[in-house]
Amino acid sequence: MSLTTYWLEHAWLGDRAEPGVVLEVGADRIDAVVTGVEAPPPGAVVLRGFTIPGLANAHSHAFHRALRGTVQVGSGTFWTWREVMYGVASRLTPDSYHALARAVYAEMALAGVTSVGEFHYVHHAPDGTPYADPNAMGEALIAAAADAGIRITLLDTAYLSAGFGAAPEPHQVRFSDGTADAWAERVSRLKERDGVRLGAAIHSVRAVPAAQLSTVADWAREREAPLHVHLSEQTAENEACLAAHGRTPTQLLAEHGVLGTRTTGVHNTHLTDEDVALIGSSATGTCMCPTTERDLADGIGPAVALQRAGSPLSLGSDSHAVIDLLEEARAMELNERLRSRTRGHWTAAALLRAATEDGHAALGWHEAGRLEAGALADFATIALDSVRTVGALPRLAAETAVFAATASDVTDVVVGGRRVVRDRAHTRIPEAAAALSEAIAALRA
């Protein structure tokens, strides 16, 4: 087995920015990490700047990328935004979804993302009829990630009703398998493969009847797979849940065995103190999506309280108003500063961990997110000489990356030992912007 040597000008080793680091990569893993190497060894691939573990985008709806810009006209609410989203969803086919997701995942790679958690619920034809391959849409997403060179956890989503006890509306019928048992039967036909992990998702407590929540949770538990759920994103959801069941969404999920160490609540915005305690005591994760949460005027979730209670934090770009995990990390801290009027709730190290190691763990990639021997060889390099980052002390590279850099500063990305981005260009999809333009224009047509 041949080894590839990477010399990193500066590297994040979990608790410090270290100058002069060599990674020996064999197959798709890091075989060795050597520090104190002042100059590149002969034949080494040189990555100048600050190299971090690959970023994990723990919550994505790939087709929402087609909404960028168009949903910023006028005001409205989450619910009016949702109607526009339904219009895009109604036009997707397996081929058009593959073309769009392929370009979106290339955009993620260019932003330093090496793994994505795709919260996937567009399953069937627009009239609800299954495709000849009932998982054609999921397979399109898996193929798109492979084309873009990043890992994917397909979080196949149960979405069965329009609200508590209500049948799906016409624009939702393509999301529904009818019952959780039928959902489980379809999803069980999917297979993991290189670069692909399978997980489950409950769209929300309003979209899966309470009596069927345990079916989805049991499917994930039996396979030791990740389980994600949109949780208390909107106060209207909480009010409807209280009216229907006499308890909060978090309490309902706890009652039906959904919470736990492999479960991640997405948003976790409008929680009671008891909700926070239930999530934390069960070590249920929290995926914050600050850009989407502020874009949709959802509110600021209690991330500090959740983490203190025992909930690991991860980050996602969700609706893809922007795709920039550095911005998501920065926004989580800055949102909390605005609310509390104090600074320093998380260190740069803690925010990087949420964007890397804990994000990968939320997606079932426990062997990723660290620059250490035995870890997957997934990493990204951030320029320290751009107009945004130049002038900072190298020992403060983590602070510079989190609080000043953007996705535009990512220069190189390696996934499984293979360079997916080189000098800010995608090696497999060199015209990523053109691919995005074409895919989005096709949907609008």
Foldseek 3Di string as FASTA:
>chain_A
DDWAKAWEQWEDFLPFIAGTWIFIADFFFTAFIDGDHNDDDPRHHYFYFYKFFFFEFQEAAQQLQLCQPVVVPDADFPVVVVVVVLLLLLLDDLVLLLLSLLLSLLLLVLLRHQEYEHADQQQDHLQLHADPLSRSNVVSNCVSNVLLNHAYAHALEAFAAPFAVHGHDSSCSSRHLNALVSSLVSLVPDDADVRYHYHYEYAFCGRHHLVRLLSRQVSCVVVVFAYEYAAPLAVVNQVRCCVNPVDGRLVSCVVSVNAACRYEHEQQADDDPVSLLSNQVRQHAYEYQQVVSVVNVSHQRPVLSNVVSHHQYAYHPYSPNDNWLLQRLLRNQVSVCVVVVDHDSDDLSSSLCRRFQVSCVNRVQNLGRRSGRRRGPWMWRFHCCDPQRDPDDSRCSSVSSNNTDTSQRTQWIAGSNRTQHHGSAGPSCRPSVVSNVVSSVVSVD
